[in-house]
PDB file of all heavy atoms in Angstrom:
ATOM      1  N   ALA A   1      18.161  85.517 104.799  1.00  0.00           N
ATOM      2  CA  ALA A   1      17.994  86.519 103.753  1.00  0.00           C
ATOM      3  C   ALA A   1      18.938  87.691 103.969  1.00  0.00           C
ATOM      4  O   ALA A   1      19.518  88.233 103.025  1.00  0.00           O
ATOM      5  CB  ALA A   1      16.547  87.001 103.713  1.00  0.00           C
ATOM      6  N   SER A   2      19.116  88.084 105.239  1.00  0.00           N
ATOM      7  CA  SER A   2      20.037  89.180 105.546  1.00  0.00           C
ATOM      8  C   SER A   2      21.474  88.806 105.187  1.00  0.00           C
ATOM      9  O   SER A   2      22.229  89.615 104.642  1.00  0.00           O
ATOM     10  CB  SER A   2      19.948  89.533 107.030  1.00  0.00           C
ATOM     11  OG  SER A   2      18.652  89.959 107.365  1.00  0.00           O
ATOM     12  N   LEU A   3      21.864  87.569 105.484  1.00  0.00           N
ATOM     13  CA  LEU A   3      23.216  87.125 105.163  1.00  0.00           C
ATOM     14  C   LEU A   3      23.436  87.066 103.656  1.00  0.00           C
ATOM     15  O   LEU A   3      24.499  87.460 103.153  1.00  0.00           O
ATOM     16  CB  LEU A   3      23.468  85.750 105.791  1.00  0.00           C
ATOM     17  CG  LEU A   3      23.524  85.716 107.324  1.00  0.00           C
ATOM     18  CD1 LEU A   3      23.664  84.278 107.817  1.00  0.00           C
ATOM     19  CD2 LEU A   3      24.681  86.562 107.856  1.00  0.00           C
ATOM     20  N   ILE A   4      22.429  86.590 102.927  1.00  0.00           N
ATOM     21  CA  ILE A   4      22.538  86.551 101.473  1.00  0.00           C
ATOM     22  C   ILE A   4      22.653  87.957 100.919  1.00  0.00           C
ATOM     23  O   ILE A   4      23.428  88.233 100.002  1.00  0.00           O
ATOM     24  CB  ILE A   4      21.325  85.822 100.862  1.00  0.00           C
ATOM     25  CG1 ILE A   4      21.364  84.340 101.242  1.00  0.00           C
ATOM     26  CG2 ILE A   4      21.288  85.969  99.345  1.00  0.00           C
ATOM     27  CD1 ILE A   4      20.107  83.583 100.875  1.00  0.00           C
ATOM     28  N   TYR A   5      21.893  88.896 101.479  1.00  0.00           N
ATOM     29  CA  TYR A   5      21.950  90.288 101.065  1.00  0.00           C
ATOM     30  C   TYR A   5      23.361  90.843 101.230  1.00  0.00           C
ATOM     31  O   TYR A   5      23.921  91.454 100.322  1.00  0.00           O
ATOM     32  CB  TYR A   5      20.956  91.095 101.892  1.00  0.00           C
ATOM     33  CG  TYR A   5      21.134  92.588 101.826  1.00  0.00           C
ATOM     34  CD1 TYR A   5      20.795  93.279 100.667  1.00  0.00           C
ATOM     35  CD2 TYR A   5      21.632  93.309 102.905  1.00  0.00           C
ATOM     36  CE1 TYR A   5      20.944  94.642 100.600  1.00  0.00           C
ATOM     37  CE2 TYR A   5      21.792  94.663 102.839  1.00  0.00           C
ATOM     38  CZ  TYR A   5      21.441  95.346 101.685  1.00  0.00           C
ATOM     39  OH  TYR A   5      21.595  96.691 101.619  1.00  0.00           O
ATOM     40  N   LEU A   6      23.967  90.601 102.372  1.00  0.00           N
ATOM     41  CA  LEU A   6      25.323  91.093 102.626  1.00  0.00           C
ATOM     42  C   LEU A   6      26.320  90.446 101.683  1.00  0.00           C
ATOM     43  O   LEU A   6      27.244  91.093 101.190  1.00  0.00           O
ATOM     44  CB  LEU A   6      25.704  90.824 104.082  1.00  0.00           C
ATOM     45  CG  LEU A   6      24.926  91.620 105.137  1.00  0.00           C
ATOM     46  CD1 LEU A   6      25.317  91.148 106.540  1.00  0.00           C
ATOM     47  CD2 LEU A   6      25.183  93.106 104.988  1.00  0.00           C
ATOM     48  N   LEU A   7      26.142  89.140 101.425  1.00  0.00           N
ATOM     49  CA  LEU A   7      27.043  88.446 100.521  1.00  0.00           C
ATOM     50  C   LEU A   7      26.964  89.022  99.110  1.00  0.00           C
ATOM     51  O   LEU A   7      27.978  89.240  98.447  1.00  0.00           O
ATOM     52  CB  LEU A   7      26.691  86.956 100.491  1.00  0.00           C
ATOM     53  CG  LEU A   7      27.488  86.086  99.501  1.00  0.00           C
ATOM     54  CD1 LEU A   7      28.970  86.134  99.826  1.00  0.00           C
ATOM     55  CD2 LEU A   7      26.986  84.651  99.527  1.00  0.00           C
ATOM     56  N   LEU A   8      25.738  89.308  98.647  1.00  0.00           N
ATOM     57  CA  LEU A   8      25.566  89.848  97.302  1.00  0.00           C
ATOM     58  C   LEU A   8      26.144  91.249  97.190  1.00  0.00           C
ATOM     59  O   LEU A   8      26.744  91.613  96.173  1.00  0.00           O
ATOM     60  CB  LEU A   8      24.090  89.850  96.924  1.00  0.00           C
ATOM     61  CG  LEU A   8      23.474  88.482  96.661  1.00  0.00           C
ATOM     62  CD1 LEU A   8      21.977  88.616  96.468  1.00  0.00           C
ATOM     63  CD2 LEU A   8      24.095  87.846  95.433  1.00  0.00           C
ATOM     64  N   ILE A   9      25.948  92.060  98.227  1.00  0.00           N
ATOM     65  CA  ILE A   9      26.524  93.407  98.224  1.00  0.00           C
ATOM     66  C   ILE A   9      28.040  93.330  98.107  1.00  0.00           C
ATOM     67  O   ILE A   9      28.681  94.055  97.348  1.00  0.00           O
ATOM     68  CB  ILE A   9      26.134  94.165  99.517  1.00  0.00           C
ATOM     69  CG1 ILE A   9      24.649  94.554  99.449  1.00  0.00           C
ATOM     70  CG2 ILE A   9      26.992  95.400  99.699  1.00  0.00           C
ATOM     71  CD1 ILE A   9      24.323  95.590  98.396  1.00  0.00           C
ATOM     72  N   SER A  10      28.658  92.399  98.871  1.00  0.00           N
ATOM     73  CA  SER A  10      30.105  92.237  98.831  1.00  0.00           C
ATOM     74  C   SER A  10      30.564  91.772  97.460  1.00  0.00           C
ATOM     75  O   SER A  10      31.573  92.232  96.926  1.00  0.00           O
ATOM     76  CB  SER A  10      30.553  91.226  99.899  1.00  0.00           C
ATOM     77  OG  SER A  10      30.178  91.657 101.183  1.00  0.00           O
ATOM     78  N   THR A  11      29.801  90.852  96.869  1.00  0.00           N
ATOM     79  CA  THR A  11      30.164  90.331  95.556  1.00  0.00           C
ATOM     80  C   THR A  11      30.099  91.414  94.495  1.00  0.00           C
ATOM     81  O   THR A  11      30.989  91.550  93.657  1.00  0.00           O
ATOM     82  CB  THR A  11      29.227  89.174  95.158  1.00  0.00           C
ATOM     83  OG1 THR A  11      29.328  88.157  96.150  1.00  0.00           O
ATOM     84  CG2 THR A  11      29.605  88.597  93.804  1.00  0.00           C
ATOM     85  N   LEU A  12      29.039  92.234  94.528  1.00  0.00           N
ATOM     86  CA  LEU A  12      28.913  93.314  93.557  1.00  0.00           C
ATOM     87  C   LEU A  12      30.034  94.326  93.704  1.00  0.00           C
ATOM     88  O   LEU A  12      30.573  94.834  92.726  1.00  0.00           O
ATOM     89  CB  LEU A  12      27.558  94.005  93.720  1.00  0.00           C
ATOM     90  CG  LEU A  12      26.331  93.202  93.266  1.00  0.00           C
ATOM     91  CD1 LEU A  12      25.063  93.964  93.603  1.00  0.00           C
ATOM     92  CD2 LEU A  12      26.404  92.923  91.780  1.00  0.00           C
ATOM     93  N   ALA A  13      30.384  94.628  94.937  1.00  0.00           N
ATOM     94  CA  ALA A  13      31.471  95.564  95.168  1.00  0.00           C
ATOM     95  C   ALA A  13      32.794  95.022  94.658  1.00  0.00           C
ATOM     96  O   ALA A  13      33.611  95.736  94.084  1.00  0.00           O
ATOM     97  CB  ALA A  13      31.572  95.889  96.667  1.00  0.00           C
ATOM     98  N   ALA A  14      33.010  93.719  94.852  1.00  0.00           N
ATOM     99  CA  ALA A  14      34.258  93.105  94.408  1.00  0.00           C
ATOM    100  C   ALA A  14      34.353  93.059  92.890  1.00  0.00           C
ATOM    101  O   ALA A  14      35.428  93.153  92.311  1.00  0.00           O
ATOM    102  CB  ALA A  14      34.367  91.690  94.976  1.00  0.00           C
ATOM    103  N   CYS A  15      33.206  92.920  92.216  1.00  0.00           N
ATOM    104  CA  CYS A  15      33.199  92.812  90.764  1.00  0.00           C
ATOM    105  C   CYS A  15      33.271  94.160  90.072  1.00  0.00           C
ATOM    106  O   CYS A  15      33.545  94.228  88.881  1.00  0.00           O
ATOM    107  CB  CYS A  15      31.941  92.081  90.296  1.00  0.00           C
ATOM    108  SG  CYS A  15      31.904  90.334  90.778  1.00  0.00           S
ATOM    109  N   SER A  16      32.993  95.240  90.801  1.00  0.00           N
ATOM    110  CA  SER A  16      33.003  96.554  90.178  1.00  0.00           C
ATOM    111  C   SER A  16      34.418  97.039  89.949  1.00  0.00           C
ATOM    112  O   SER A  16      35.311  96.861  90.773  1.00  0.00           O
ATOM    113  CB  SER A  16      32.258  97.542  91.091  1.00  0.00           C
ATOM    114  OG  SER A  16      32.367  98.848  90.600  1.00  0.00           O
ATOM    115  N   ASP A  17      34.648  97.703  88.777  1.00  0.00           N
ATOM    116  CA  ASP A  17      35.983  98.241  88.508  1.00  0.00           C
ATOM    117  C   ASP A  17      36.088  99.695  88.906  1.00  0.00           C
ATOM    118  O   ASP A  17      37.126 100.333  88.723  1.00  0.00           O
ATOM    119  CB  ASP A  17      36.342  98.079  87.023  1.00  0.00           C
ATOM    120  CG  ASP A  17      35.389  98.816  86.106  1.00  0.00           C
ATOM    121  OD1 ASP A  17      34.502  99.537  86.625  1.00  0.00           O
ATOM    122  OD2 ASP A  17      35.532  98.679  84.875  1.00  0.00           O
ATOM    123  N   GLY A  18      34.963 100.254  89.426  1.00  0.00           N
ATOM    124  CA  GLY A  18      34.991 101.611  89.924  1.00  0.00           C
ATOM    125  C   GLY A  18      34.913 102.670  88.847  1.00  0.00           C
ATOM    126  O   GLY A  18      34.946 103.860  89.137  1.00  0.00           O
ATOM    127  N   SER A  19      34.820 102.291  87.586  1.00  0.00           N
ATOM    128  CA  SER A  19      34.774 103.260  86.505  1.00  0.00           C
ATOM    129  C   SER A  19      33.349 103.525  86.086  1.00  0.00           C
ATOM    130  O   SER A  19      32.432 102.780  86.380  1.00  0.00           O
ATOM    131  CB  SER A  19      35.573 102.751  85.298  1.00  0.00           C
ATOM    132  OG  SER A  19      34.923 101.638  84.723  1.00  0.00           O
ATOM    133  N   ASP A  20      33.146 104.624  85.339  1.00  0.00           N
ATOM    134  CA  ASP A  20      31.840 104.980  84.831  1.00  0.00           C
ATOM    135  C   ASP A  20      31.684 104.620  83.363  1.00  0.00           C
ATOM    136  O   ASP A  20      30.709 104.987  82.721  1.00  0.00           O
ATOM    137  CB  ASP A  20      31.604 106.502  84.989  1.00  0.00           C
ATOM    138  CG  ASP A  20      31.542 106.907  86.453  1.00  0.00           C
ATOM    139  OD1 ASP A  20      31.076 106.086  87.251  1.00  0.00           O
ATOM    140  OD2 ASP A  20      31.965 108.036  86.774  1.00  0.00           O
ATOM    141  N   ASN A  21      32.666 103.899  82.794  1.00  0.00           N
ATOM    142  CA  ASN A  21      32.665 103.585  81.378  1.00  0.00           C
ATOM    143  C   ASN A  21      32.254 102.158  81.091  1.00  0.00           C
ATOM    144  O   ASN A  21      32.455 101.657  79.993  1.00  0.00           O
ATOM    145  CB  ASN A  21      34.059 103.835  80.782  1.00  0.00           C
ATOM    146  CG  ASN A  21      34.467 105.298  80.905  1.00  0.00           C
ATOM    147  OD1 ASN A  21      33.640 106.183  80.735  1.00  0.00           O
ATOM    148  ND2 ASN A  21      35.742 105.530  81.220  1.00  0.00           N
ATOM    149  N   SER A  22      31.695 101.476  82.078  1.00  0.00           N
ATOM    150  CA  SER A  22      31.298 100.091  81.878  1.00  0.00           C
ATOM    151  C   SER A  22      30.112 100.022  80.933  1.00  0.00           C
ATOM    152  O   SER A  22      29.338 100.967  80.792  1.00  0.00           O
ATOM    153  CB  SER A  22      30.946  99.428  83.213  1.00  0.00           C
ATOM    154  OG  SER A  22      29.908 100.135  83.834  1.00  0.00           O
ATOM    155  N   ASP A  23      29.942  98.887  80.293  1.00  0.00           N
ATOM    156  CA  ASP A  23      28.851  98.686  79.348  1.00  0.00           C
ATOM    157  C   ASP A  23      27.568  98.400  80.101  1.00  0.00           C
ATOM    158  O   ASP A  23      27.394  97.355  80.698  1.00  0.00           O
ATOM    159  CB  ASP A  23      29.192  97.510  78.432  1.00  0.00           C
ATOM    160  CG  ASP A  23      28.106  97.287  77.382  1.00  0.00           C
ATOM    161  OD1 ASP A  23      27.156  98.096  77.345  1.00  0.00           O
ATOM    162  OD2 ASP A  23      28.243  96.313  76.617  1.00  0.00           O
ATOM    163  N   ASN A  24      26.637  99.360  80.084  1.00  0.00           N
ATOM    164  CA  ASN A  24      25.403  99.203  80.845  1.00  0.00           C
ATOM    165  C   ASN A  24      24.534  98.087  80.321  1.00  0.00           C
ATOM    166  O   ASN A  24      23.653  97.597  81.024  1.00  0.00           O
ATOM    167  CB  ASN A  24      24.601 100.515  80.825  1.00  0.00           C
ATOM    168  CG  ASN A  24      25.242 101.582  81.684  1.00  0.00           C
ATOM    169  OD1 ASN A  24      25.922 101.273  82.654  1.00  0.00           O
ATOM    170  ND2 ASN A  24      25.049 102.845  81.317  1.00  0.00           N
ATOM    171  N   SER A  25      24.747  97.672  79.058  1.00  0.00           N
ATOM    172  CA  SER A  25      23.907  96.610  78.515  1.00  0.00           C
ATOM    173  C   SER A  25      24.095  95.305  79.255  1.00  0.00           C
ATOM    174  O   SER A  25      23.213  94.454  79.267  1.00  0.00           O
ATOM    175  CB  SER A  25      24.221  96.406  77.023  1.00  0.00           C
ATOM    176  OG  SER A  25      25.557  95.956  76.859  1.00  0.00           O
ATOM    177  N   SER A  26      25.258  95.126  79.909  1.00  0.00           N
ATOM    178  CA  SER A  26      25.507  93.890  80.633  1.00  0.00           C
ATOM    179  C   SER A  26      24.668  93.792  81.895  1.00  0.00           C
ATOM    180  O   SER A  26      24.537  92.732  82.470  1.00  0.00           O
ATOM    181  CB  SER A  26      26.997  93.783  81.002  1.00  0.00           C
ATOM    182  OG  SER A  26      27.347  94.830  81.895  1.00  0.00           O
ATOM    183  N   ARG A  27      24.094  94.922  82.319  1.00  0.00           N
ATOM    184  CA  ARG A  27      23.294  94.913  83.541  1.00  0.00           C
ATOM    185  C   ARG A  27      21.868  94.447  83.287  1.00  0.00           C
ATOM    186  O   ARG A  27      21.138  94.144  84.212  1.00  0.00           O
ATOM    187  CB  ARG A  27      23.279  96.329  84.148  1.00  0.00           C
ATOM    188  CG  ARG A  27      24.673  96.817  84.520  1.00  0.00           C
ATOM    189  CD  ARG A  27      24.614  98.231  85.061  1.00  0.00           C
ATOM    190  NE  ARG A  27      25.947  98.752  85.319  1.00  0.00           N
ATOM    191  CZ  ARG A  27      26.186  99.997  85.715  1.00  0.00           C
ATOM    192  NH1 ARG A  27      25.182 100.834  85.892  1.00  0.00           N
ATOM    193  NH2 ARG A  27      27.416 100.408  85.921  1.00  0.00           N
ATOM    194  N   SER A  28      21.453  94.464  82.045  1.00  0.00           N
ATOM    195  CA  SER A  28      20.113  94.009  81.705  1.00  0.00           C
ATOM    196  C   SER A  28      20.216  93.169  80.443  1.00  0.00           C
ATOM    197  O   SER A  28      20.086  93.660  79.333  1.00  0.00           O
ATOM    198  CB  SER A  28      19.187  95.214  81.484  1.00  0.00           C
ATOM    199  OG  SER A  28      17.896  94.765  81.176  1.00  0.00           O
ATOM    200  N   VAL A  29      20.489  91.896  80.639  1.00  0.00           N
ATOM    201  CA  VAL A  29      20.793  91.013  79.527  1.00  0.00           C
ATOM    202  C   VAL A  29      19.515  90.455  78.922  1.00  0.00           C
ATOM    203  O   VAL A  29      18.626  90.010  79.630  1.00  0.00           O
ATOM    204  CB  VAL A  29      21.686  89.845  80.000  1.00  0.00           C
ATOM    205  CG1 VAL A  29      21.997  88.915  78.832  1.00  0.00           C
ATOM    206  CG2 VAL A  29      22.969  90.382  80.606  1.00  0.00           C
ATOM    207  N   ALA A  30      19.421  90.491  77.604  1.00  0.00           N
ATOM    208  CA  ALA A  30      18.330  89.835  76.904  1.00  0.00           C
ATOM    209  C   ALA A  30      18.858  88.513  76.357  1.00  0.00           C
ATOM    210  O   ALA A  30      19.848  88.480  75.625  1.00  0.00           O
ATOM    211  CB  ALA A  30      17.809  90.712  75.763  1.00  0.00           C
ATOM    212  N   LEU A  31      18.234  87.411  76.746  1.00  0.00           N
ATOM    213  CA  LEU A  31      18.694  86.105  76.321  1.00  0.00           C
ATOM    214  C   LEU A  31      18.233  85.821  74.897  1.00  0.00           C
ATOM    215  O   LEU A  31      17.048  85.937  74.587  1.00  0.00           O
ATOM    216  CB  LEU A  31      18.146  85.030  77.266  1.00  0.00           C
ATOM    217  CG  LEU A  31      18.544  85.185  78.731  1.00  0.00           C
ATOM    218  CD1 LEU A  31      18.042  83.989  79.527  1.00  0.00           C
ATOM    219  CD2 LEU A  31      20.053  85.303  78.889  1.00  0.00           C
ATOM    220  N   GLU A  32      19.162  85.474  74.026  1.00  0.00           N
ATOM    221  CA  GLU A  32      18.832  85.214  72.636  1.00  0.00           C
ATOM    222  C   GLU A  32      18.689  83.712  72.398  1.00  0.00           C
ATOM    223  O   GLU A  32      19.472  82.920  72.905  1.00  0.00           O
ATOM    224  CB  GLU A  32      19.915  85.780  71.720  1.00  0.00           C
ATOM    225  CG  GLU A  32      20.024  87.306  71.786  1.00  0.00           C
ATOM    226  CD  GLU A  32      21.066  87.842  70.834  1.00  0.00           C
ATOM    227  OE1 GLU A  32      21.702  87.026  70.129  1.00  0.00           O
ATOM    228  OE2 GLU A  32      21.228  89.068  70.773  1.00  0.00           O
ATOM    229  N   ILE A  33      17.698  83.341  71.625  1.00  0.00           N
ATOM    230  CA  ILE A  33      17.422  81.950  71.302  1.00  0.00           C
ATOM    231  C   ILE A  33      17.663  81.735  69.811  1.00  0.00           C
ATOM    232  O   ILE A  33      17.125  82.464  68.977  1.00  0.00           O
ATOM    233  CB  ILE A  33      15.971  81.572  71.649  1.00  0.00           C
ATOM    234  CG1 ILE A  33      15.702  81.819  73.131  1.00  0.00           C
ATOM    235  CG2 ILE A  33      15.694  80.119  71.296  1.00  0.00           C
ATOM    236  CD1 ILE A  33      16.556  81.005  74.071  1.00  0.00           C
ATOM    237  N   THR A  34      18.481  80.751  69.467  1.00  0.00           N
ATOM    238  CA  THR A  34      18.782  80.482  68.068  1.00  0.00           C
ATOM    239  C   THR A  34      18.099  79.209  67.571  1.00  0.00           C
ATOM    240  O   THR A  34      18.163  78.910  66.380  1.00  0.00           O
ATOM    241  CB  THR A  34      20.302  80.345  67.859  1.00  0.00           C
ATOM    242  OG1 THR A  34      20.805  79.300  68.702  1.00  0.00           O
ATOM    243  CG2 THR A  34      21.005  81.651  68.204  1.00  0.00           C
ATOM    244  N   ASP A  35      17.446  78.452  68.452  1.00  0.00           N
ATOM    245  CA  ASP A  35      16.737  77.247  68.037  1.00  0.00           C
ATOM    246  C   ASP A  35      15.514  77.606  67.187  1.00  0.00           C
ATOM    247  O   ASP A  35      14.994  78.721  67.246  1.00  0.00           O
ATOM    248  CB  ASP A  35      16.283  76.440  69.257  1.00  0.00           C
ATOM    249  CG  ASP A  35      17.451  75.864  70.029  1.00  0.00           C
ATOM    250  OD1 ASP A  35      18.539  75.766  69.442  1.00  0.00           O
ATOM    251  OD2 ASP A  35      17.270  75.522  71.205  1.00  0.00           O
ATOM    252  N   THR A  36      15.046  76.656  66.427  1.00  0.00           N
ATOM    253  CA  THR A  36      13.877  76.866  65.589  1.00  0.00           C
ATOM    254  C   THR A  36      12.622  77.006  66.449  1.00  0.00           C
ATOM    255  O   THR A  36      12.390  76.197  67.340  1.00  0.00           O
ATOM    256  CB  THR A  36      13.694  75.676  64.623  1.00  0.00           C
ATOM    257  OG1 THR A  36      14.882  75.532  63.848  1.00  0.00           O
ATOM    258  CG2 THR A  36      12.506  75.904  63.712  1.00  0.00           C
ATOM    259  N   PRO A  37      11.795  78.033  66.194  1.00  0.00           N
ATOM    260  CA  PRO A  37      10.550  78.168  66.958  1.00  0.00           C
ATOM    261  C   PRO A  37       9.629  76.983  66.716  1.00  0.00           C
ATOM    262  O   PRO A  37       9.735  76.283  65.705  1.00  0.00           O
ATOM    263  CB  PRO A  37       9.940  79.466  66.419  1.00  0.00           C
ATOM    264  CG  PRO A  37      11.056  80.181  65.750  1.00  0.00           C
ATOM    265  CD  PRO A  37      11.994  79.135  65.247  1.00  0.00           C
ATOM    266  N   GLY A  38       8.694  76.777  67.634  1.00  0.00           N
ATOM    267  CA  GLY A  38       7.700  75.737  67.450  1.00  0.00           C
ATOM    268  C   GLY A  38       6.665  76.147  66.420  1.00  0.00           C
ATOM    269  O   GLY A  38       6.725  77.240  65.844  1.00  0.00           O
ATOM    270  N   SER A  39       5.681  75.304  66.216  1.00  0.00           N
ATOM    271  CA  SER A  39       4.681  75.537  65.177  1.00  0.00           C
ATOM    272  C   SER A  39       3.539  76.439  65.611  1.00  0.00           C
ATOM    273  O   SER A  39       2.769  76.928  64.775  1.00  0.00           O
ATOM    274  CB  SER A  39       4.113  74.194  64.708  1.00  0.00           C
ATOM    275  OG  SER A  39       3.480  73.521  65.797  1.00  0.00           O
TER     276      SER A  39
END
């Protein structure tokens, strides 16, 4: 678990562009469903 934690921290740091103008909506994604609902 500790190793996974370190790996994720490194991954997040690598993916960050360092700016404050990023789209915050991407941090909390709502999954949209287009299929027909059931009955």
